[in-house]
Amino acid sequence: KAGTTTQDVLMIANEFRERHPDVPLVLMGYANPMVRRGP
């Protein structure tokens, strides 16, 4: 409802990685959003 997209999630992950280079971050989700634009 807030308009979050897969691209937004990847941007959030990239920004997190810049702030916390050593903390493991794992994307969790269903395959549908991952393949919508193509694997």
All heavy atoms as atom14 arrays in JSON, in Angstrom:
{
  "sequence": "KAGTTTQDVLMIANEFRERHPDVPLVLMGYANPMVRRGP",
  "atom14_mask": [
    [1, 1, 1, 1, 1, 1, 1, 1, 1, 0, 0, 0, 0, 0],
    [1, 1, 1, 1, 1, 0, 0, 0, 0, 0, 0, 0, 0, 0],
    [1, 1, 1, 1, 0, 0, 0, 0, 0, 0, 0, 0, 0, 0],
    [1, 1, 1, 1, 1, 1, 1, 0, 0, 0, 0, 0, 0, 0],
    [1, 1, 1, 1, 1, 1, 1, 0, 0, 0, 0, 0, 0, 0],
    [1, 1, 1, 1, 1, 1, 1, 0, 0, 0, 0, 0, 0, 0],
    [1, 1, 1, 1, 1, 1, 1, 1, 1, 0, 0, 0, 0, 0],
    [1, 1, 1, 1, 1, 1, 1, 1, 0, 0, 0, 0, 0, 0],
    [1, 1, 1, 1, 1, 1, 1, 0, 0, 0, 0, 0, 0, 0],
    [1, 1, 1, 1, 1, 1, 1, 1, 0, 0, 0, 0, 0, 0],
    [1, 1, 1, 1, 1, 1, 1, 1, 0, 0, 0, 0, 0, 0],
    [1, 1, 1, 1, 1, 1, 1, 1, 0, 0, 0, 0, 0, 0],
    [1, 1, 1, 1, 1, 0, 0, 0, 0, 0, 0, 0, 0, 0],
    [1, 1, 1, 1, 1, 1, 1, 1, 0, 0, 0, 0, 0, 0],
    [1, 1, 1, 1, 1, 1, 1, 1, 1, 0, 0, 0, 0, 0],
    [1, 1, 1, 1, 1, 1, 1, 1, 1, 1, 1, 0, 0, 0],
    [1, 1, 1, 1, 1, 1, 1, 1, 1, 1, 1, 0, 0, 0],
    [1, 1, 1, 1, 1, 1, 1, 1, 1, 0, 0, 0, 0, 0],
    [1, 1, 1, 1, 1, 1, 1, 1, 1, 1, 1, 0, 0, 0],
    [1, 1, 1, 1, 1, 1, 1, 1, 1, 1, 0, 0, 0, 0],
    [1, 1, 1, 1, 1, 1, 1, 0, 0, 0, 0, 0, 0, 0],
    [1, 1, 1, 1, 1, 1, 1, 1, 0, 0, 0, 0, 0, 0],
    [1, 1, 1, 1, 1, 1, 1, 0, 0, 0, 0, 0, 0, 0],
    [1, 1, 1, 1, 1, 1, 1, 0, 0, 0, 0, 0, 0, 0],
    [1, 1, 1, 1, 1, 1, 1, 1, 0, 0, 0, 0, 0, 0],
    [1, 1, 1, 1, 1, 1, 1, 0, 0, 0, 0, 0, 0, 0],
    [1, 1, 1, 1, 1, 1, 1, 1, 0, 0, 0, 0, 0, 0],
    [1, 1, 1, 1, 1, 1, 1, 1, 0, 0, 0, 0, 0, 0],
    [1, 1, 1, 1, 0, 0, 0, 0, 0, 0, 0, 0, 0, 0],
    [1, 1, 1, 1, 1, 1, 1, 1, 1, 1, 1, 1, 0, 0],
    [1, 1, 1, 1, 1, 0, 0, 0, 0, 0, 0, 0, 0, 0],
    [1, 1, 1, 1, 1, 1, 1, 1, 0, 0, 0, 0, 0, 0],
    [1, 1, 1, 1, 1, 1, 1, 0, 0, 0, 0, 0, 0, 0],
    [1, 1, 1, 1, 1, 1, 1, 1, 0, 0, 0, 0, 0, 0],
    [1, 1, 1, 1, 1, 1, 1, 0, 0, 0, 0, 0, 0, 0],
    [1, 1, 1, 1, 1, 1, 1, 1, 1, 1, 1, 0, 0, 0],
    [1, 1, 1, 1, 1, 1, 1, 1, 1, 1, 1, 0, 0, 0],
    [1, 1, 1, 1, 0, 0, 0, 0, 0, 0, 0, 0, 0, 0],
    [1, 1, 1, 1, 1, 1, 1, 0, 0, 0, 0, 0, 0, 0]
  ],
  "atom14_positions": [
    [[0.83, -1.21, 0.0], [0.0, 0.0, 0.0], [0.87, 1.26, 0.0], [0.46, 2.29, -0.53], [-0.94, 0.0, 1.2], [-2.14, -0.89, 1.01], [-3.11, -0.78, 2.17], [-4.31, -1.67, 1.93], [-5.28, -1.61, 3.04], [0.0, 0.0, 0.0], [0.0, 0.0, 0.0], [0.0, 0.0, 0.0], [0.0, 0.0, 0.0], [0.0, 0.0, 0.0]],
    [[2.06, 1.15, 0.57], [3.0, 2.28, 0.58], [3.72, 2.43, -0.76], [4.48, 3.37, -0.96], [4.02, 2.12, 1.71], [0.0, 0.0, 0.0], [0.0, 0.0, 0.0], [0.0, 0.0, 0.0], [0.0, 0.0, 0.0], [0.0, 0.0, 0.0], [0.0, 0.0, 0.0], [0.0, 0.0, 0.0], [0.0, 0.0, 0.0], [0.0, 0.0, 0.0]],
    [[3.49, 1.47, -1.67], [4.07, 1.55, -3.01], [5.43, 0.88, -3.16], [6.12, 1.1, -4.16], [0.0, 0.0, 0.0], [0.0, 0.0, 0.0], [0.0, 0.0, 0.0], [0.0, 0.0, 0.0], [0.0, 0.0, 0.0], [0.0, 0.0, 0.0], [0.0, 0.0, 0.0], [0.0, 0.0, 0.0], [0.0, 0.0, 0.0], [0.0, 0.0, 0.0]],
    [[5.82, 0.04, -2.23], [7.14, -0.6, -2.27], [7.23, -1.56, -3.45], [6.35, -2.41, -3.66], [7.4, -1.37, -0.97], [7.23, -0.47, 0.13], [8.81, -1.94, -0.94], [0.0, 0.0, 0.0], [0.0, 0.0, 0.0], [0.0, 0.0, 0.0], [0.0, 0.0, 0.0], [0.0, 0.0, 0.0], [0.0, 0.0, 0.0], [0.0, 0.0, 0.0]],
    [[8.31, -1.43, -4.24], [8.56, -2.28, -5.4], [9.81, -3.12, -5.18], [10.58, -2.87, -4.23], [8.77, -1.42, -6.66], [9.98, -0.67, -6.49], [7.59, -0.48, -6.91], [0.0, 0.0, 0.0], [0.0, 0.0, 0.0], [0.0, 0.0, 0.0], [0.0, 0.0, 0.0], [0.0, 0.0, 0.0], [0.0, 0.0, 0.0], [0.0, 0.0, 0.0]],
    [[10.02, -4.08, -6.05], [11.24, -4.89, -5.98], [12.47, -4.0, -6.12], [13.46, -4.19, -5.4], [11.23, -5.97, -7.09], [10.06, -6.79, -6.9], [12.47, -6.84, -7.03], [0.0, 0.0, 0.0], [0.0, 0.0, 0.0], [0.0, 0.0, 0.0], [0.0, 0.0, 0.0], [0.0, 0.0, 0.0], [0.0, 0.0, 0.0], [0.0, 0.0, 0.0]],
    [[12.41, -3.02, -7.0], [13.53, -2.09, -7.15], [13.8, -1.34, -5.84], [14.95, -1.13, -5.46], [13.26, -1.09, -8.28], [14.45, -0.22, -8.62], [15.6, -1.01, -9.23], [15.4, -1.81, -10.13], [16.8, -0.81, -8.73], [0.0, 0.0, 0.0], [0.0, 0.0, 0.0], [0.0, 0.0, 0.0], [0.0, 0.0, 0.0], [0.0, 0.0, 0.0]],
    [[12.74, -0.97, -5.12], [12.91, -0.3, -3.82], [13.62, -1.22, -2.83], [14.49, -0.78, -2.08], [11.55, 0.09, -3.22], [10.82, 1.15, -4.02], [11.48, 1.98, -4.67], [9.57, 1.12, -4.0], [0.0, 0.0, 0.0], [0.0, 0.0, 0.0], [0.0, 0.0, 0.0], [0.0, 0.0, 0.0], [0.0, 0.0, 0.0], [0.0, 0.0, 0.0]],
    [[13.23, -2.49, -2.82], [13.85, -3.45, -1.91], [15.35, -3.55, -2.19], [16.17, -3.55, -1.26], [13.18, -4.83, -2.02], [13.9, -5.86, -1.16], [11.71, -4.76, -1.65], [0.0, 0.0, 0.0], [0.0, 0.0, 0.0], [0.0, 0.0, 0.0], [0.0, 0.0, 0.0], [0.0, 0.0, 0.0], [0.0, 0.0, 0.0], [0.0, 0.0, 0.0]],
    [[15.71, -3.62, -3.46], [17.12, -3.73, -3.82], [17.87, -2.45, -3.45], [19.03, -2.52, -3.0], [17.25, -4.04, -5.31], [16.67, -5.39, -5.73], [16.7, -5.53, -7.25], [17.38, -6.54, -5.05], [0.0, 0.0, 0.0], [0.0, 0.0, 0.0], [0.0, 0.0, 0.0], [0.0, 0.0, 0.0], [0.0, 0.0, 0.0], [0.0, 0.0, 0.0]],
    [[17.24, -1.29, -3.56], [17.87, -0.04, -3.15], [18.08, -0.03, -1.63], [19.14, 0.35, -1.15], [17.01, 1.15, -3.56], [17.61, 2.5, -3.19], [16.51, 3.89, -3.54], [15.21, 3.58, -2.34], [0.0, 0.0, 0.0], [0.0, 0.0, 0.0], [0.0, 0.0, 0.0], [0.0, 0.0, 0.0], [0.0, 0.0, 0.0], [0.0, 0.0, 0.0]],
    [[17.07, -0.48, -0.89], [17.19, -0.56, 0.57], [18.36, -1.48, 0.94], [19.15, -1.16, 1.84], [15.87, -1.07, 1.19], [14.79, 0.01, 1.06], [16.05, -1.49, 2.63], [13.37, -0.5, 1.32], [0.0, 0.0, 0.0], [0.0, 0.0, 0.0], [0.0, 0.0, 0.0], [0.0, 0.0, 0.0], [0.0, 0.0, 0.0], [0.0, 0.0, 0.0]],
    [[18.46, -2.61, 0.26], [19.55, -3.55, 0.52], [20.91, -2.93, 0.22], [21.86, -3.09, 1.0], [19.35, -4.83, -0.29], [0.0, 0.0, 0.0], [0.0, 0.0, 0.0], [0.0, 0.0, 0.0], [0.0, 0.0, 0.0], [0.0, 0.0, 0.0], [0.0, 0.0, 0.0], [0.0, 0.0, 0.0], [0.0, 0.0, 0.0], [0.0, 0.0, 0.0]],
    [[21.02, -2.23, -0.9], [22.3, -1.59, -1.25], [22.68, -0.52, -0.24], [23.85, -0.42, 0.15], [22.22, -0.98, -2.66], [22.32, -2.02, -3.74], [22.95, -3.05, -3.58], [21.68, -1.75, -4.86], [0.0, 0.0, 0.0], [0.0, 0.0, 0.0], [0.0, 0.0, 0.0], [0.0, 0.0, 0.0], [0.0, 0.0, 0.0], [0.0, 0.0, 0.0]],
    [[21.71, 0.27, 0.19], [22.01, 1.31, 1.18], [22.39, 0.7, 2.53], [23.27, 1.2, 3.22], [20.8, 2.25, 1.32], [20.59, 3.1, 0.08], [19.29, 3.88, 0.09], [18.47, 3.71, 1.03], [19.09, 4.68, -0.85], [0.0, 0.0, 0.0], [0.0, 0.0, 0.0], [0.0, 0.0, 0.0], [0.0, 0.0, 0.0], [0.0, 0.0, 0.0]],
    [[21.73, -0.4, 2.89], [22.1, -1.11, 4.12], [23.54, -1.6, 4.04], [24.31, -1.45, 4.99], [21.16, -2.31, 4.34], [21.55, -3.16, 5.52], [21.12, -2.84, 6.79], [22.35, -4.28, 5.34], [21.49, -3.62, 7.88], [22.73, -5.07, 6.41], [22.28, -4.74, 7.69], [0.0, 0.0, 0.0], [0.0, 0.0, 0.0], [0.0, 0.0, 0.0]],
    [[23.9, -2.19, 2.89], [25.26, -2.72, 2.72], [26.3, -1.63, 2.88], [27.36, -1.84, 3.45], [25.38, -3.4, 1.35], [26.73, -3.97, 1.03], [27.24, -5.05, 2.0], [26.32, -6.12, 2.16], [25.88, -6.56, 3.35], [26.32, -6.03, 4.48], [25.02, -7.55, 3.44], [0.0, 0.0, 0.0], [0.0, 0.0, 0.0], [0.0, 0.0, 0.0]],
    [[26.0, -0.41, 2.41], [26.94, 0.71, 2.57], [27.11, 1.06, 4.05], [28.22, 1.38, 4.48], [26.44, 1.93, 1.79], [26.54, 1.77, 0.29], [25.93, 2.93, -0.48], [25.59, 3.96, 0.14], [25.78, 2.8, -1.7], [0.0, 0.0, 0.0], [0.0, 0.0, 0.0], [0.0, 0.0, 0.0], [0.0, 0.0, 0.0], [0.0, 0.0, 0.0]],
    [[26.02, 1.02, 4.82], [26.08, 1.38, 6.25], [26.64, 0.25, 7.1], [27.26, 0.5, 8.13], [24.69, 1.76, 6.77], [24.13, 3.02, 6.19], [22.86, 3.48, 6.92], [21.85, 2.46, 7.13], [20.96, 2.05, 6.21], [20.97, 2.58, 4.99], [20.06, 1.13, 6.5], [0.0, 0.0, 0.0], [0.0, 0.0, 0.0], [0.0, 0.0, 0.0]],
    [[26.38, -0.99, 6.7], [26.75, -2.16, 7.52], [27.41, -3.21, 6.64], [26.81, -4.23, 6.31], [25.5, -2.73, 8.2], [24.75, -1.74, 9.01], [25.18, -1.3, 10.24], [23.59, -1.08, 8.75], [24.31, -0.42, 10.72], [23.35, -0.26, 9.83], [0.0, 0.0, 0.0], [0.0, 0.0, 0.0], [0.0, 0.0, 0.0], [0.0, 0.0, 0.0]],
    [[28.66, -2.99, 6.26], [29.31, -3.89, 5.3], [29.54, -5.32, 5.79], [29.71, -6.22, 4.98], [30.64, -3.19, 5.0], [30.87, -2.26, 6.14], [29.53, -1.88, 6.66], [0.0, 0.0, 0.0], [0.0, 0.0, 0.0], [0.0, 0.0, 0.0], [0.0, 0.0, 0.0], [0.0, 0.0, 0.0], [0.0, 0.0, 0.0], [0.0, 0.0, 0.0]],
    [[29.5, -5.54, 7.11], [29.8, -6.87, 7.62], [28.6, -7.66, 8.1], [28.74, -8.82, 8.48], [30.82, -6.76, 8.76], [32.14, -6.17, 8.28], [32.53, -6.44, 7.13], [32.77, -5.42, 9.05], [0.0, 0.0, 0.0], [0.0, 0.0, 0.0], [0.0, 0.0, 0.0], [0.0, 0.0, 0.0], [0.0, 0.0, 0.0], [0.0, 0.0, 0.0]],
    [[27.41, -7.05, 8.11], [26.22, -7.74, 8.62], [25.53, -8.48, 7.47], [25.18, -7.87, 6.47], [25.24, -6.73, 9.27], [23.98, -7.45, 9.76], [25.92, -5.98, 10.41], [0.0, 0.0, 0.0], [0.0, 0.0, 0.0], [0.0, 0.0, 0.0], [0.0, 0.0, 0.0], [0.0, 0.0, 0.0], [0.0, 0.0, 0.0], [0.0, 0.0, 0.0]],
    [[25.32, -9.8, 7.62], [24.65, -10.55, 6.56], [23.22, -10.07, 6.36], [22.47, -9.9, 7.33], [24.66, -11.99, 7.07], [25.69, -12.03, 8.14], [25.75, -10.67, 8.73], [0.0, 0.0, 0.0], [0.0, 0.0, 0.0], [0.0, 0.0, 0.0], [0.0, 0.0, 0.0], [0.0, 0.0, 0.0], [0.0, 0.0, 0.0], [0.0, 0.0, 0.0]],
    [[22.85, -9.84, 5.12], [21.5, -9.45, 4.75], [21.02, -10.42, 3.67], [21.67, -10.57, 2.63], [21.48, -8.01, 4.21], [20.11, -7.45, 3.87], [19.3, -7.21, 5.15], [20.24, -6.16, 3.09], [0.0, 0.0, 0.0], [0.0, 0.0, 0.0], [0.0, 0.0, 0.0], [0.0, 0.0, 0.0], [0.0, 0.0, 0.0], [0.0, 0.0, 0.0]],
    [[19.91, -11.07, 3.94], [19.37, -12.08, 3.04], [18.02, -11.61, 2.53], [17.16, -11.23, 3.33], [19.21, -13.43, 3.78], [18.62, -14.49, 2.86], [20.53, -13.89, 4.37], [0.0, 0.0, 0.0], [0.0, 0.0, 0.0], [0.0, 0.0, 0.0], [0.0, 0.0, 0.0], [0.0, 0.0, 0.0], [0.0, 0.0, 0.0], [0.0, 0.0, 0.0]],
    [[17.83, -11.61, 1.22], [16.52, -11.29, 0.67], [15.61, -12.5, 0.84], [16.0, -13.62, 0.54], [16.61, -10.93, -0.81], [17.35, -9.65, -1.16], [17.41, -9.47, -2.67], [16.69, -8.44, -0.5], [0.0, 0.0, 0.0], [0.0, 0.0, 0.0], [0.0, 0.0, 0.0], [0.0, 0.0, 0.0], [0.0, 0.0, 0.0], [0.0, 0.0, 0.0]],
    [[14.4, -12.24, 1.33], [13.44, -13.31, 1.58], [12.18, -12.98, 0.82], [11.66, -11.88, 0.92], [13.16, -13.39, 3.08], [12.23, -14.46, 3.48], [13.08, -16.03, 3.36], [11.97, -17.04, 4.26], [0.0, 0.0, 0.0], [0.0, 0.0, 0.0], [0.0, 0.0, 0.0], [0.0, 0.0, 0.0], [0.0, 0.0, 0.0], [0.0, 0.0, 0.0]],
    [[11.69, -13.93, 0.03], [10.47, -13.64, -0.69], [9.99, -14.79, -1.54], [10.59, -15.86, -1.56], [0.0, 0.0, 0.0], [0.0, 0.0, 0.0], [0.0, 0.0, 0.0], [0.0, 0.0, 0.0], [0.0, 0.0, 0.0], [0.0, 0.0, 0.0], [0.0, 0.0, 0.0], [0.0, 0.0, 0.0], [0.0, 0.0, 0.0], [0.0, 0.0, 0.0]],
    [[8.92, -14.52, -2.23], [8.33, -15.48, -3.16], [8.98, -15.31, -4.53], [9.49, -14.23, -4.85], [6.82, -15.24, -3.25], [6.09, -15.62, -1.99], [6.08, -14.77, -0.88], [5.43, -16.83, -1.9], [5.43, -15.12, 0.28], [4.76, -17.19, -0.74], [4.76, -16.33, 0.35], [4.11, -16.69, 1.5], [0.0, 0.0, 0.0], [0.0, 0.0, 0.0]],
    [[8.94, -16.34, -5.33], [9.57, -16.29, -6.65], [8.87, -15.31, -7.58], [9.52, -14.69, -8.43], [9.6, -17.68, -7.28], [0.0, 0.0, 0.0], [0.0, 0.0, 0.0], [0.0, 0.0, 0.0], [0.0, 0.0, 0.0], [0.0, 0.0, 0.0], [0.0, 0.0, 0.0], [0.0, 0.0, 0.0], [0.0, 0.0, 0.0], [0.0, 0.0, 0.0]],
    [[7.58, -15.12, -7.42], [6.81, -14.29, -8.35], [7.43, -12.9, -8.57], [7.64, -12.5, -9.71], [5.36, -14.16, -7.9], [4.7, -15.5, -7.68], [5.23, -16.33, -6.95], [3.56, -15.72, -8.29], [0.0, 0.0, 0.0], [0.0, 0.0, 0.0], [0.0, 0.0, 0.0], [0.0, 0.0, 0.0], [0.0, 0.0, 0.0], [0.0, 0.0, 0.0]],
    [[7.69, -12.12, -7.51], [8.27, -10.79, -7.74], [9.68, -10.87, -8.35], [10.11, -9.96, -9.05], [8.33, -10.16, -6.35], [7.34, -10.92, -5.54], [7.33, -12.31, -6.11], [0.0, 0.0, 0.0], [0.0, 0.0, 0.0], [0.0, 0.0, 0.0], [0.0, 0.0, 0.0], [0.0, 0.0, 0.0], [0.0, 0.0, 0.0], [0.0, 0.0, 0.0]],
    [[10.38, -11.95, -8.08], [11.75, -12.08, -8.58], [11.78, -12.34, -10.08], [12.72, -11.96, -10.76], [12.48, -13.21, -7.83], [12.7, -12.91, -6.38], [13.53, -14.29, -5.58], [12.96, -14.08, -3.9], [0.0, 0.0, 0.0], [0.0, 0.0, 0.0], [0.0, 0.0, 0.0], [0.0, 0.0, 0.0], [0.0, 0.0, 0.0], [0.0, 0.0, 0.0]],
    [[10.75, -13.0, -10.58], [10.74, -13.34, -12.0], [9.84, -12.44, -12.83], [9.78, -12.58, -14.05], [10.36, -14.83, -12.23], [11.36, -15.75, -11.57], [8.95, -15.13, -11.77], [0.0, 0.0, 0.0], [0.0, 0.0, 0.0], [0.0, 0.0, 0.0], [0.0, 0.0, 0.0], [0.0, 0.0, 0.0], [0.0, 0.0, 0.0], [0.0, 0.0, 0.0]],
    [[9.16, -11.51, -12.2], [8.22, -10.64, -12.93], [8.89, -9.94, -14.1], [8.36, -9.89, -15.2], [7.6, -9.62, -11.99], [6.59, -8.76, -12.7], [5.8, -7.95, -11.73], [4.81, -7.18, -12.47], [4.45, -5.98, -12.15], [4.95, -5.41, -11.09], [3.55, -5.34, -12.86], [0.0, 0.0, 0.0], [0.0, 0.0, 0.0], [0.0, 0.0, 0.0]],
    [[10.07, -9.37, -13.87], [10.81, -8.71, -14.96], [11.78, -9.67, -15.62], [12.51, -9.29, -16.52], [11.6, -7.53, -14.42], [10.72, -6.41, -13.94], [11.58, -5.22, -13.61], [10.86, -4.25, -12.82], [11.38, -3.18, -12.31], [12.65, -2.9, -12.51], [10.66, -2.35, -11.6], [0.0, 0.0, 0.0], [0.0, 0.0, 0.0], [0.0, 0.0, 0.0]],
    [[11.84, -10.88, -15.12], [12.74, -11.89, -15.66], [13.85, -12.21, -14.68], [14.36, -11.33, -14.0], [0.0, 0.0, 0.0], [0.0, 0.0, 0.0], [0.0, 0.0, 0.0], [0.0, 0.0, 0.0], [0.0, 0.0, 0.0], [0.0, 0.0, 0.0], [0.0, 0.0, 0.0], [0.0, 0.0, 0.0], [0.0, 0.0, 0.0], [0.0, 0.0, 0.0]],
    [[14.2, -13.49, -14.58], [15.24, -13.89, -13.63], [16.59, -13.24, -13.92], [17.36, -12.97, -13.01], [15.29, -15.41, -13.75], [14.54, -15.75, -14.98], [13.62, -14.61, -15.29], [0.0, 0.0, 0.0], [0.0, 0.0, 0.0], [0.0, 0.0, 0.0], [0.0, 0.0, 0.0], [0.0, 0.0, 0.0], [0.0, 0.0, 0.0], [0.0, 0.0, 0.0]]
  ]
}
